[in-house]
């Protein structure tokens, strides 16, 4: 993933007395602002896996992004503590799946390839009966759909698609169009935005071992298993604010132009934004109220709303004042 281009508006040294560089957080803070790219095994539900992780690591709060059905394995991002509030960002990224479908009867390869290509681009799906969302027909985007290997009526495939795409339903619909029927035999999720199976996932056994090693005084395995929440930002555009602005954002304040140190190139109005401290800590998730060009050219104005606060209040000192209530007219 190419680095994001940044427009610097001002420079200011970060106060070393408050906060931490994401990679230098103490373990207690990492467990509150950590993300686990977990390799979910086949069998348990995603909810069960999260419950196991919560007990294993010893945290009160944990959550996942993108449910995987019990028979499905692969990447299940799990946020710990405050990091659970940032999981919605991962829904903005595409996801990759690799699986096996079985056609109920043989069809010519040319016909199969042609039908598979019909399911790229915008498609319409009605969620299955056992889904947790309303069963209304909705559109989703399939960026890439490829058959990678075939043996008889078994066909391996790779699918890169928008979050919320039901792969089992996709396979079923392919079988309906072919007129022979199709069943998904196996499925594994390999990519969720910035997290990629090829870069390494954490298994439950590895996490258990890392917790045991931590109790022996060895932090290395747990820091390998649990990543700073900032690793989940991927290509999300950034807005870096001054130390003096951080606590105001933690209280839900919108970000004014004077409080900004830098902003990503190419921000458009209504784009999601990661609001960061000068040390690179994720303070909140916001929405752009101005474009990069407007932020660069204006001296005053509100540049971003604050949608989800990640950082705890008082992590940085309060250097802002509440506006007095407006006087009532007699």
C-alpha atoms as a PDB file:
ATOM      1  CA  UNK A   1       0.000   0.000   0.000  1.00  0.00           C
ATOM      2  CA  UNK A   2       1.641   3.310  -1.062  1.00  0.00           C
ATOM      3  CA  UNK A   3       2.223   5.867   1.723  1.00  0.00           C
ATOM      4  CA  UNK A   4      -0.362   8.625   2.065  1.00  0.00           C
ATOM      5  CA  UNK A   5       0.727  12.064   0.907  1.00  0.00           C
ATOM      6  CA  UNK A   6       0.524  14.644   3.684  1.00  0.00           C
ATOM      7  CA  UNK A   7       0.026  18.414   3.557  1.00  0.00           C
ATOM      8  CA  UNK A   8       1.849  20.061   6.474  1.00  0.00           C
ATOM      9  CA  UNK A   9       0.178  23.216   7.790  1.00  0.00           C
ATOM     10  CA  UNK A  10       2.348  23.778  10.856  1.00  0.00           C
ATOM     11  CA  UNK A  11       5.026  22.050  12.913  1.00  0.00           C
ATOM     12  CA  UNK A  12       5.023  21.516  16.652  1.00  0.00           C
ATOM     13  CA  UNK A  13       6.960  19.171  18.913  1.00  0.00           C
ATOM     14  CA  UNK A  14       4.876  16.567  20.705  1.00  0.00           C
ATOM     15  CA  UNK A  15       4.845  16.733  24.501  1.00  0.00           C
ATOM     16  CA  UNK A  16       6.680  13.612  25.789  1.00  0.00           C
ATOM     17  CA  UNK A  17       4.820  13.821  29.106  1.00  0.00           C
ATOM     18  CA  UNK A  18       1.520  12.697  27.630  1.00  0.00           C
ATOM     19  CA  UNK A  19       0.517   9.737  25.488  1.00  0.00           C
ATOM     20  CA  UNK A  20       2.832   7.279  23.738  1.00  0.00           C
ATOM     21  CA  UNK A  21       4.088   6.437  20.313  1.00  0.00           C
ATOM     22  CA  UNK A  22       1.771   3.580  19.197  1.00  0.00           C
ATOM     23  CA  UNK A  23       4.670   1.121  19.033  1.00  0.00           C
ATOM     24  CA  UNK A  24       5.926   2.133  22.495  1.00  0.00           C
ATOM     25  CA  UNK A  25       2.732   1.824  24.528  1.00  0.00           C
ATOM     26  CA  UNK A  26       3.139  -0.124  27.768  1.00  0.00           C
ATOM     27  CA  UNK A  27       1.388  -3.492  27.769  1.00  0.00           C
ATOM     28  CA  UNK A  28      -1.476  -2.173  29.909  1.00  0.00           C
ATOM     29  CA  UNK A  29      -2.194   0.487  27.267  1.00  0.00           C
ATOM     30  CA  UNK A  30      -1.676  -1.935  24.364  1.00  0.00           C
ATOM     31  CA  UNK A  31      -4.404  -4.159  25.816  1.00  0.00           C
ATOM     32  CA  UNK A  32      -6.730  -1.149  25.741  1.00  0.00           C
ATOM     33  CA  UNK A  33      -5.741   0.091  22.267  1.00  0.00           C
ATOM     34  CA  UNK A  34      -4.854  -3.173  20.569  1.00  0.00           C
ATOM     35  CA  UNK A  35      -6.027  -5.068  17.483  1.00  0.00           C
ATOM     36  CA  UNK A  36      -5.567  -8.807  16.931  1.00  0.00           C
ATOM     37  CA  UNK A  37      -5.582 -10.120  13.344  1.00  0.00           C
ATOM     38  CA  UNK A  38      -6.905 -13.464  14.563  1.00  0.00           C
ATOM     39  CA  UNK A  39      -6.928 -16.656  12.516  1.00  0.00           C
ATOM     40  CA  UNK A  40     -10.390 -17.996  13.350  1.00  0.00           C
ATOM     41  CA  UNK A  41     -10.618 -21.799  13.234  1.00  0.00           C
ATOM     42  CA  UNK A  42     -13.553 -23.675  11.707  1.00  0.00           C
ATOM     43  CA  UNK A  43     -16.212 -24.688  14.226  1.00  0.00           C
ATOM     44  CA  UNK A  44     -16.891 -21.923  16.750  1.00  0.00           C
ATOM     45  CA  UNK A  45     -18.957 -18.818  16.083  1.00  0.00           C
ATOM     46  CA  UNK A  46     -17.248 -15.432  15.842  1.00  0.00           C
ATOM     47  CA  UNK A  47     -18.975 -14.447  19.099  1.00  0.00           C
ATOM     48  CA  UNK A  48     -17.521 -17.490  20.891  1.00  0.00           C
ATOM     49  CA  UNK A  49     -14.022 -16.706  19.609  1.00  0.00           C
ATOM     50  CA  UNK A  50     -14.261 -13.119  20.883  1.00  0.00           C
ATOM     51  CA  UNK A  51     -15.422 -14.385  24.300  1.00  0.00           C
ATOM     52  CA  UNK A  52     -12.427 -16.736  24.468  1.00  0.00           C
ATOM     53  CA  UNK A  53     -10.041 -13.935  23.539  1.00  0.00           C
ATOM     54  CA  UNK A  54     -11.546 -11.639  26.153  1.00  0.00           C
ATOM     55  CA  UNK A  55     -11.060 -14.228  28.923  1.00  0.00           C
ATOM     56  CA  UNK A  56      -7.651 -15.301  27.673  1.00  0.00           C
ATOM     57  CA  UNK A  57      -6.187 -11.802  27.519  1.00  0.00           C
ATOM     58  CA  UNK A  58      -8.027 -10.621  30.624  1.00  0.00           C
ATOM     59  CA  UNK A  59      -9.853  -7.613  29.189  1.00  0.00           C
ATOM     60  CA  UNK A  60     -13.416  -6.526  29.891  1.00  0.00           C
ATOM     61  CA  UNK A  61     -14.231  -5.436  26.377  1.00  0.00           C
ATOM     62  CA  UNK A  62     -13.501  -6.958  22.964  1.00  0.00           C
ATOM     63  CA  UNK A  63     -15.277  -7.038  19.633  1.00  0.00           C
ATOM     64  CA  UNK A  64     -14.835  -8.214  16.058  1.00  0.00           C
ATOM     65  CA  UNK A  65     -15.279  -6.759  12.582  1.00  0.00           C
ATOM     66  CA  UNK A  66     -17.163  -8.842  10.023  1.00  0.00           C
ATOM     67  CA  UNK A  67     -18.797 -12.044  11.277  1.00  0.00           C
ATOM     68  CA  UNK A  68     -17.506 -15.363   9.977  1.00  0.00           C
ATOM     69  CA  UNK A  69     -19.943 -18.295  10.045  1.00  0.00           C
ATOM     70  CA  UNK A  70     -18.883 -21.341  12.137  1.00  0.00           C
ATOM     71  CA  UNK A  71     -17.686 -23.412   9.117  1.00  0.00           C
ATOM     72  CA  UNK A  72     -15.608 -20.483   7.783  1.00  0.00           C
ATOM     73  CA  UNK A  73     -11.998 -19.897   8.838  1.00  0.00           C
ATOM     74  CA  UNK A  74      -9.530 -17.082   8.409  1.00  0.00           C
ATOM     75  CA  UNK A  75      -8.985 -13.466   9.307  1.00  0.00           C
ATOM     76  CA  UNK A  76     -11.203 -12.126  12.090  1.00  0.00           C
ATOM     77  CA  UNK A  77      -9.960  -8.701  13.301  1.00  0.00           C
ATOM     78  CA  UNK A  78     -10.586  -8.355  17.037  1.00  0.00           C
ATOM     79  CA  UNK A  79     -10.369  -5.009  18.816  1.00  0.00           C
ATOM     80  CA  UNK A  80      -9.578  -4.757  22.524  1.00  0.00           C
ATOM     81  CA  UNK A  81     -10.881  -2.092  24.895  1.00  0.00           C
ATOM     82  CA  UNK A  82     -11.066   1.333  23.277  1.00  0.00           C
ATOM     83  CA  UNK A  83     -10.025  -0.175  19.935  1.00  0.00           C
ATOM     84  CA  UNK A  84     -13.486  -1.737  19.564  1.00  0.00           C
ATOM     85  CA  UNK A  85     -14.749   1.753  18.673  1.00  0.00           C
ATOM     86  CA  UNK A  86     -12.571   1.835  15.552  1.00  0.00           C
ATOM     87  CA  UNK A  87     -13.766  -1.492  14.101  1.00  0.00           C
ATOM     88  CA  UNK A  88     -16.296   0.290  11.894  1.00  0.00           C
ATOM     89  CA  UNK A  89     -13.382   1.658   9.829  1.00  0.00           C
ATOM     90  CA  UNK A  90     -12.614  -1.858   8.612  1.00  0.00           C
ATOM     91  CA  UNK A  91     -16.068  -2.045   7.022  1.00  0.00           C
ATOM     92  CA  UNK A  92     -14.919   0.596   4.530  1.00  0.00           C
ATOM     93  CA  UNK A  93     -12.266  -1.705   3.056  1.00  0.00           C
ATOM     94  CA  UNK A  94     -12.683  -4.598   0.610  1.00  0.00           C
ATOM     95  CA  UNK A  95     -12.250  -8.181   1.790  1.00  0.00           C
ATOM     96  CA  UNK A  96     -10.713 -11.167   0.057  1.00  0.00           C
ATOM     97  CA  UNK A  97     -12.007 -14.726   0.331  1.00  0.00           C
ATOM     98  CA  UNK A  98     -10.694 -17.995  -1.067  1.00  0.00           C
ATOM     99  CA  UNK A  99     -12.994 -20.957  -1.262  1.00  0.00           C
ATOM    100  CA  UNK A 100     -14.228 -24.072  -3.019  1.00  0.00           C
ATOM    101  CA  UNK A 101     -17.599 -24.463  -4.739  1.00  0.00           C
ATOM    102  CA  UNK A 102     -19.141 -27.668  -6.019  1.00  0.00           C
ATOM    103  CA  UNK A 103     -21.345 -27.603  -9.116  1.00  0.00           C
ATOM    104  CA  UNK A 104     -24.124 -30.175  -8.942  1.00  0.00           C
ATOM    105  CA  UNK A 105     -23.560 -31.097 -12.612  1.00  0.00           C
ATOM    106  CA  UNK A 106     -20.792 -30.510 -15.116  1.00  0.00           C
ATOM    107  CA  UNK A 107     -20.892 -27.472 -17.388  1.00  0.00           C
ATOM    108  CA  UNK A 108     -18.519 -26.428 -20.191  1.00  0.00           C
ATOM    109  CA  UNK A 109     -15.617 -24.351 -18.896  1.00  0.00           C
ATOM    110  CA  UNK A 110     -16.352 -21.525 -21.321  1.00  0.00           C
ATOM    111  CA  UNK A 111     -19.915 -21.300 -19.989  1.00  0.00           C
ATOM    112  CA  UNK A 112     -18.695 -21.366 -16.375  1.00  0.00           C
ATOM    113  CA  UNK A 113     -16.099 -18.628 -16.977  1.00  0.00           C
ATOM    114  CA  UNK A 114     -18.685 -16.439 -18.688  1.00  0.00           C
ATOM    115  CA  UNK A 115     -21.180 -16.744 -15.834  1.00  0.00           C
ATOM    116  CA  UNK A 116     -18.500 -16.066 -13.208  1.00  0.00           C
ATOM    117  CA  UNK A 117     -17.632 -12.827 -15.000  1.00  0.00           C
ATOM    118  CA  UNK A 118     -21.291 -11.799 -14.843  1.00  0.00           C
ATOM    119  CA  UNK A 119     -20.917 -11.664 -11.058  1.00  0.00           C
ATOM    120  CA  UNK A 120     -18.188  -9.006 -11.049  1.00  0.00           C
ATOM    121  CA  UNK A 121     -19.027  -5.337 -10.603  1.00  0.00           C
ATOM    122  CA  UNK A 122     -22.291  -4.351  -8.937  1.00  0.00           C
ATOM    123  CA  UNK A 123     -24.471  -7.285  -7.929  1.00  0.00           C
ATOM    124  CA  UNK A 124     -27.746  -7.544  -6.012  1.00  0.00           C
ATOM    125  CA  UNK A 125     -28.187  -9.887  -3.067  1.00  0.00           C
ATOM    126  CA  UNK A 126     -30.889 -10.723  -0.574  1.00  0.00           C
ATOM    127  CA  UNK A 127     -29.287 -11.785   2.746  1.00  0.00           C
ATOM    128  CA  UNK A 128     -29.970 -15.418   3.732  1.00  0.00           C
ATOM    129  CA  UNK A 129     -32.584 -16.306   6.375  1.00  0.00           C
ATOM    130  CA  UNK A 130     -30.003 -16.877   9.115  1.00  0.00           C
ATOM    131  CA  UNK A 131     -28.304 -13.499   8.622  1.00  0.00           C
ATOM    132  CA  UNK A 132     -28.325 -10.860  11.363  1.00  0.00           C
ATOM    133  CA  UNK A 133     -29.477  -8.049   9.037  1.00  0.00           C
ATOM    134  CA  UNK A 134     -32.776  -7.182   7.382  1.00  0.00           C
ATOM    135  CA  UNK A 135     -33.549  -9.478   4.426  1.00  0.00           C
ATOM    136  CA  UNK A 136     -33.956  -6.694   1.896  1.00  0.00           C
ATOM    137  CA  UNK A 137     -32.332  -6.870  -1.529  1.00  0.00           C
ATOM    138  CA  UNK A 138     -29.221  -4.694  -1.575  1.00  0.00           C
ATOM    139  CA  UNK A 139     -26.343  -3.997  -3.915  1.00  0.00           C
ATOM    140  CA  UNK A 140     -22.739  -4.961  -3.301  1.00  0.00           C
ATOM    141  CA  UNK A 141     -19.595  -4.645  -5.410  1.00  0.00           C
ATOM    142  CA  UNK A 142     -17.474  -7.649  -6.393  1.00  0.00           C
ATOM    143  CA  UNK A 143     -14.118  -6.206  -7.450  1.00  0.00           C
ATOM    144  CA  UNK A 144     -12.540  -9.474  -8.608  1.00  0.00           C
ATOM    145  CA  UNK A 145     -13.837 -13.032  -8.968  1.00  0.00           C
ATOM    146  CA  UNK A 146     -11.491 -15.671 -10.364  1.00  0.00           C
ATOM    147  CA  UNK A 147     -11.499 -19.440 -10.695  1.00  0.00           C
ATOM    148  CA  UNK A 148      -7.988 -20.482  -9.666  1.00  0.00           C
ATOM    149  CA  UNK A 149      -8.126 -24.280  -9.961  1.00  0.00           C
ATOM    150  CA  UNK A 150     -10.625 -26.984 -10.955  1.00  0.00           C
ATOM    151  CA  UNK A 151     -10.981 -30.714 -10.434  1.00  0.00           C
ATOM    152  CA  UNK A 152     -14.133 -32.268 -11.847  1.00  0.00           C
ATOM    153  CA  UNK A 153     -17.070 -30.331 -10.442  1.00  0.00           C
ATOM    154  CA  UNK A 154     -14.982 -28.745  -7.660  1.00  0.00           C
ATOM    155  CA  UNK A 155     -13.725 -25.249  -8.380  1.00  0.00           C
ATOM    156  CA  UNK A 156     -11.420 -23.128  -6.229  1.00  0.00           C
ATOM    157  CA  UNK A 157     -12.053 -19.393  -6.416  1.00  0.00           C
ATOM    158  CA  UNK A 158     -10.745 -16.063  -5.153  1.00  0.00           C
ATOM    159  CA  UNK A 159     -13.163 -13.198  -4.470  1.00  0.00           C
ATOM    160  CA  UNK A 160     -12.296  -9.601  -3.622  1.00  0.00           C
ATOM    161  CA  UNK A 161     -15.488  -7.818  -2.644  1.00  0.00           C
ATOM    162  CA  UNK A 162     -17.176  -5.078  -0.695  1.00  0.00           C
ATOM    163  CA  UNK A 163     -17.817  -5.625   3.000  1.00  0.00           C
ATOM    164  CA  UNK A 164     -21.212  -7.236   3.580  1.00  0.00           C
ATOM    165  CA  UNK A 165     -21.113  -9.509   0.522  1.00  0.00           C
ATOM    166  CA  UNK A 166     -22.456 -13.001   1.252  1.00  0.00           C
ATOM    167  CA  UNK A 167     -20.123 -15.459  -0.475  1.00  0.00           C
ATOM    168  CA  UNK A 168     -22.346 -18.489   0.159  1.00  0.00           C
ATOM    169  CA  UNK A 169     -25.219 -16.640  -1.545  1.00  0.00           C
ATOM    170  CA  UNK A 170     -22.884 -15.627  -4.375  1.00  0.00           C
ATOM    171  CA  UNK A 171     -22.022 -19.277  -5.013  1.00  0.00           C
ATOM    172  CA  UNK A 172     -25.684 -20.257  -4.829  1.00  0.00           C
ATOM    173  CA  UNK A 173     -26.642 -17.572  -7.356  1.00  0.00           C
ATOM    174  CA  UNK A 174     -23.890 -18.696  -9.756  1.00  0.00           C
ATOM    175  CA  UNK A 175     -25.346 -22.196  -9.624  1.00  0.00           C
ATOM    176  CA  UNK A 176     -28.843 -20.844 -10.328  1.00  0.00           C
ATOM    177  CA  UNK A 177     -27.674 -18.905 -13.390  1.00  0.00           C
ATOM    178  CA  UNK A 178     -25.801 -21.966 -14.675  1.00  0.00           C
ATOM    179  CA  UNK A 179     -28.978 -23.992 -14.171  1.00  0.00           C
ATOM    180  CA  UNK A 180     -27.229 -26.849 -12.362  1.00  0.00           C
ATOM    181  CA  UNK A 181     -27.009 -25.561  -8.786  1.00  0.00           C
ATOM    182  CA  UNK A 182     -23.868 -24.942  -6.717  1.00  0.00           C
ATOM    183  CA  UNK A 183     -22.807 -25.364  -3.078  1.00  0.00           C
ATOM    184  CA  UNK A 184     -19.978 -23.716  -1.189  1.00  0.00           C
ATOM    185  CA  UNK A 185     -17.786 -26.483   0.215  1.00  0.00           C
ATOM    186  CA  UNK A 186     -15.167 -24.440   2.045  1.00  0.00           C
ATOM    187  CA  UNK A 187     -14.366 -20.757   2.627  1.00  0.00           C
ATOM    188  CA  UNK A 188     -11.515 -18.792   4.165  1.00  0.00           C
ATOM    189  CA  UNK A 189     -11.134 -15.024   4.558  1.00  0.00           C
ATOM    190  CA  UNK A 190      -7.598 -13.901   3.734  1.00  0.00           C
ATOM    191  CA  UNK A 191      -7.682 -10.072   3.603  1.00  0.00           C
ATOM    192  CA  UNK A 192      -9.567  -7.363   5.495  1.00  0.00           C
ATOM    193  CA  UNK A 193      -8.330  -3.928   4.436  1.00  0.00           C
ATOM    194  CA  UNK A 194      -4.787  -3.465   5.779  1.00  0.00           C
ATOM    195  CA  UNK A 195      -4.672  -6.946   7.377  1.00  0.00           C
ATOM    196  CA  UNK A 196      -3.440  -9.733   5.127  1.00  0.00           C
ATOM    197  CA  UNK A 197      -2.979 -13.435   5.760  1.00  0.00           C
ATOM    198  CA  UNK A 198       0.376 -13.344   3.954  1.00  0.00           C
ATOM    199  CA  UNK A 199       1.707 -10.940   6.611  1.00  0.00           C
ATOM    200  CA  UNK A 200       0.852 -13.385   9.373  1.00  0.00           C
ATOM    201  CA  UNK A 201      -2.205 -13.984  11.564  1.00  0.00           C
ATOM    202  CA  UNK A 202      -2.413 -14.877  15.256  1.00  0.00           C
ATOM    203  CA  UNK A 203      -3.940 -18.221  16.194  1.00  0.00           C
ATOM    204  CA  UNK A 204      -5.668 -18.843  19.525  1.00  0.00           C
ATOM    205  CA  UNK A 205      -2.811 -21.158  20.495  1.00  0.00           C
ATOM    206  CA  UNK A 206      -0.233 -18.465  19.756  1.00  0.00           C
ATOM    207  CA  UNK A 207      -2.219 -15.933  21.747  1.00  0.00           C
ATOM    208  CA  UNK A 208      -2.434 -18.336  24.687  1.00  0.00           C
ATOM    209  CA  UNK A 209       1.335 -18.884  24.531  1.00  0.00           C
ATOM    210  CA  UNK A 210       1.964 -15.127  24.317  1.00  0.00           C
ATOM    211  CA  UNK A 211      -0.121 -14.496  27.448  1.00  0.00           C
ATOM    212  CA  UNK A 212       1.789 -17.229  29.281  1.00  0.00           C
ATOM    213  CA  UNK A 213       5.133 -15.758  28.188  1.00  0.00           C
ATOM    214  CA  UNK A 214       4.001 -12.302  29.306  1.00  0.00           C
ATOM    215  CA  UNK A 215       3.407 -13.636  32.817  1.00  0.00           C
ATOM    216  CA  UNK A 216       7.035 -14.837  32.736  1.00  0.00           C
ATOM    217  CA  UNK A 217       8.182 -11.301  31.885  1.00  0.00           C
ATOM    218  CA  UNK A 218       8.618 -11.723  28.115  1.00  0.00           C
ATOM    219  CA  UNK A 219       6.667  -9.040  26.188  1.00  0.00           C
ATOM    220  CA  UNK A 220       7.888  -9.944  22.693  1.00  0.00           C
ATOM    221  CA  UNK A 221       5.231 -12.583  21.797  1.00  0.00           C
ATOM    222  CA  UNK A 222       2.284 -10.484  23.004  1.00  0.00           C
ATOM    223  CA  UNK A 223       3.503  -7.453  21.042  1.00  0.00           C
ATOM    224  CA  UNK A 224       3.702  -9.663  17.961  1.00  0.00           C
ATOM    225  CA  UNK A 225       0.194 -11.047  18.536  1.00  0.00           C
ATOM    226  CA  UNK A 226      -1.527  -7.757  19.443  1.00  0.00           C
ATOM    227  CA  UNK A 227      -0.925  -4.773  17.153  1.00  0.00           C
ATOM    228  CA  UNK A 228      -1.522  -1.080  17.910  1.00  0.00           C
ATOM    229  CA  UNK A 229      -4.998   0.012  16.795  1.00  0.00           C
ATOM    230  CA  UNK A 230      -3.349   2.402  14.331  1.00  0.00           C
ATOM    231  CA  UNK A 231      -2.341  -0.630  12.223  1.00  0.00           C
ATOM    232  CA  UNK A 232      -5.995  -0.937  11.210  1.00  0.00           C
ATOM    233  CA  UNK A 233      -6.160   2.493   9.552  1.00  0.00           C
ATOM    234  CA  UNK A 234      -4.792   1.372   6.192  1.00  0.00           C
ATOM    235  CA  UNK A 235      -5.535   3.975   3.511  1.00  0.00           C
ATOM    236  CA  UNK A 236      -7.919   5.984   5.730  1.00  0.00           C
ATOM    237  CA  UNK A 237      -7.091   9.672   5.319  1.00  0.00           C
ATOM    238  CA  UNK A 238      -5.505  11.389   8.313  1.00  0.00           C
ATOM    239  CA  UNK A 239      -5.896  14.643  10.218  1.00  0.00           C
ATOM    240  CA  UNK A 240      -3.120  15.356  12.752  1.00  0.00           C
ATOM    241  CA  UNK A 241      -4.066  17.801  15.499  1.00  0.00           C
ATOM    242  CA  UNK A 242      -2.051  19.706  18.090  1.00  0.00           C
ATOM    243  CA  UNK A 243      -1.513  18.354  21.613  1.00  0.00           C
ATOM    244  CA  UNK A 244      -3.684  21.213  22.857  1.00  0.00           C
ATOM    245  CA  UNK A 245      -6.560  20.017  20.643  1.00  0.00           C
ATOM    246  CA  UNK A 246      -6.505  16.336  21.593  1.00  0.00           C
ATOM    247  CA  UNK A 247      -8.570  16.467  24.796  1.00  0.00           C
ATOM    248  CA  UNK A 248     -11.202  18.697  23.193  1.00  0.00           C
ATOM    249  CA  UNK A 249     -11.645  16.028  20.486  1.00  0.00           C
ATOM    250  CA  UNK A 250     -11.865  13.400  23.237  1.00  0.00           C
ATOM    251  CA  UNK A 251     -14.870  15.355  24.543  1.00  0.00           C
ATOM    252  CA  UNK A 252     -16.491  15.237  21.101  1.00  0.00           C
ATOM    253  CA  UNK A 253     -15.476  18.675  19.828  1.00  0.00           C
ATOM    254  CA  UNK A 254     -15.211  19.328  16.115  1.00  0.00           C
ATOM    255  CA  UNK A 255     -11.738  20.150  14.787  1.00  0.00           C
ATOM    256  CA  UNK A 256     -11.050  23.726  13.780  1.00  0.00           C
ATOM    257  CA  UNK A 257      -8.377  24.676  11.237  1.00  0.00           C
ATOM    258  CA  UNK A 258      -6.129  26.391  13.858  1.00  0.00           C
ATOM    259  CA  UNK A 259      -5.839  23.072  15.708  1.00  0.00           C
ATOM    260  CA  UNK A 260      -4.520  21.134  12.696  1.00  0.00           C
ATOM    261  CA  UNK A 261      -0.850  20.332  12.071  1.00  0.00           C
ATOM    262  CA  UNK A 262      -1.273  18.279   8.887  1.00  0.00           C
ATOM    263  CA  UNK A 263      -3.877  16.618   6.677  1.00  0.00           C
ATOM    264  CA  UNK A 264      -3.815  13.943   3.995  1.00  0.00           C
ATOM    265  CA  UNK A 265      -3.754  15.049   0.374  1.00  0.00           C
ATOM    266  CA  UNK A 266      -7.001  14.527  -1.528  1.00  0.00           C
ATOM    267  CA  UNK A 267      -9.507  14.780   1.323  1.00  0.00           C
ATOM    268  CA  UNK A 268     -13.018  15.585   0.053  1.00  0.00           C
ATOM    269  CA  UNK A 269     -16.011  16.723   2.062  1.00  0.00           C
ATOM    270  CA  UNK A 270     -17.705  13.845   3.950  1.00  0.00           C
ATOM    271  CA  UNK A 271     -14.656  11.568   3.666  1.00  0.00           C
ATOM    272  CA  UNK A 272     -14.009   9.468   6.803  1.00  0.00           C
ATOM    273  CA  UNK A 273     -10.959  10.731   8.697  1.00  0.00           C
ATOM    274  CA  UNK A 274      -8.643   9.279  11.314  1.00  0.00           C
ATOM    275  CA  UNK A 275      -7.888  12.079  13.778  1.00  0.00           C
ATOM    276  CA  UNK A 276      -4.393  11.566  15.181  1.00  0.00           C
ATOM    277  CA  UNK A 277      -2.164  13.113  17.836  1.00  0.00           C
ATOM    278  CA  UNK A 278       1.310  14.397  16.837  1.00  0.00           C
ATOM    279  CA  UNK A 279       2.701  11.034  18.061  1.00  0.00           C
ATOM    280  CA  UNK A 280       0.419   9.192  15.628  1.00  0.00           C
ATOM    281  CA  UNK A 281      -2.085   7.948  18.228  1.00  0.00           C
ATOM    282  CA  UNK A 282      -5.648   7.432  17.046  1.00  0.00           C
ATOM    283  CA  UNK A 283      -7.730   9.995  18.929  1.00  0.00           C
ATOM    284  CA  UNK A 284     -11.050   9.679  17.102  1.00  0.00           C
ATOM    285  CA  UNK A 285     -12.780   8.837  13.849  1.00  0.00           C
ATOM    286  CA  UNK A 286     -14.350  11.840  12.133  1.00  0.00           C
ATOM    287  CA  UNK A 287     -15.865  13.067   8.893  1.00  0.00           C
ATOM    288  CA  UNK A 288     -14.377  15.824   6.748  1.00  0.00           C
ATOM    289  CA  UNK A 289     -16.307  19.088   6.675  1.00  0.00           C
ATOM    290  CA  UNK A 290     -13.794  20.703   4.306  1.00  0.00           C
ATOM    291  CA  UNK A 291     -11.511  19.479   1.530  1.00  0.00           C
ATOM    292  CA  UNK A 292      -7.724  19.472   1.765  1.00  0.00           C
ATOM    293  CA  UNK A 293      -7.540  22.540  -0.490  1.00  0.00           C
ATOM    294  CA  UNK A 294     -10.018  24.413   1.708  1.00  0.00           C
ATOM    295  CA  UNK A 295      -8.172  23.479   4.893  1.00  0.00           C
ATOM    296  CA  UNK A 296      -4.912  24.630   3.307  1.00  0.00           C
ATOM    297  CA  UNK A 297      -6.280  27.979   2.098  1.00  0.00           C
ATOM    298  CA  UNK A 298      -8.519  29.042   4.994  1.00  0.00           C
ATOM    299  CA  UNK A 299      -7.380  30.437   8.338  1.00  0.00           C
ATOM    300  CA  UNK A 300     -10.561  29.668  10.253  1.00  0.00           C
ATOM    301  CA  UNK A 301     -13.422  27.212  10.075  1.00  0.00           C
ATOM    302  CA  UNK A 302     -14.408  23.699  11.172  1.00  0.00           C
ATOM    303  CA  UNK A 303     -12.515  21.023   9.252  1.00  0.00           C
ATOM    304  CA  UNK A 304     -13.872  17.802  10.736  1.00  0.00           C
ATOM    305  CA  UNK A 305     -16.687  16.441  12.852  1.00  0.00           C
ATOM    306  CA  UNK A 306     -15.965  13.873  15.557  1.00  0.00           C
ATOM    307  CA  UNK A 307     -17.995  10.699  15.049  1.00  0.00           C
ATOM    308  CA  UNK A 308     -16.344   8.119  17.325  1.00  0.00           C
ATOM    309  CA  UNK A 309     -13.905   8.940  20.140  1.00  0.00           C
ATOM    310  CA  UNK A 310     -11.203   6.300  20.646  1.00  0.00           C
ATOM    311  CA  UNK A 311      -8.786   7.880  23.116  1.00  0.00           C
ATOM    312  CA  UNK A 312      -9.798   8.189  26.755  1.00  0.00           C
ATOM    313  CA  UNK A 313     -10.418  11.660  28.124  1.00  0.00           C
ATOM    314  CA  UNK A 314      -7.596  13.298  30.118  1.00  0.00           C
ATOM    315  CA  UNK A 315      -4.903  11.291  28.319  1.00  0.00           C
ATOM    316  CA  UNK A 316      -3.726  14.769  27.303  1.00  0.00           C
ATOM    317  CA  UNK A 317      -4.238  17.850  29.501  1.00  0.00           C
ATOM    318  CA  UNK A 318      -7.350  19.959  29.152  1.00  0.00           C
ATOM    319  CA  UNK A 319      -6.208  23.172  27.465  1.00  0.00           C
ATOM    320  CA  UNK A 320      -9.600  24.333  26.223  1.00  0.00           C
ATOM    321  CA  UNK A 321     -12.485  26.233  27.769  1.00  0.00           C
ATOM    322  CA  UNK A 322     -16.183  25.647  27.484  1.00  0.00           C
ATOM    323  CA  UNK A 323     -18.100  28.411  25.820  1.00  0.00           C
ATOM    324  CA  UNK A 324     -20.364  30.238  28.305  1.00  0.00           C
ATOM    325  CA  UNK A 325     -24.083  29.695  27.688  1.00  0.00           C
ATOM    326  CA  UNK A 326     -25.731  32.358  25.549  1.00  0.00           C
ATOM    327  CA  UNK A 327     -27.601  34.985  27.506  1.00  0.00           C
ATOM    328  CA  UNK A 328     -31.341  34.890  27.175  1.00  0.00           C
ATOM    329  CA  UNK A 329     -32.994  37.947  25.751  1.00  0.00           C
ATOM    330  CA  UNK A 330     -35.308  39.756  28.154  1.00  0.00           C
END
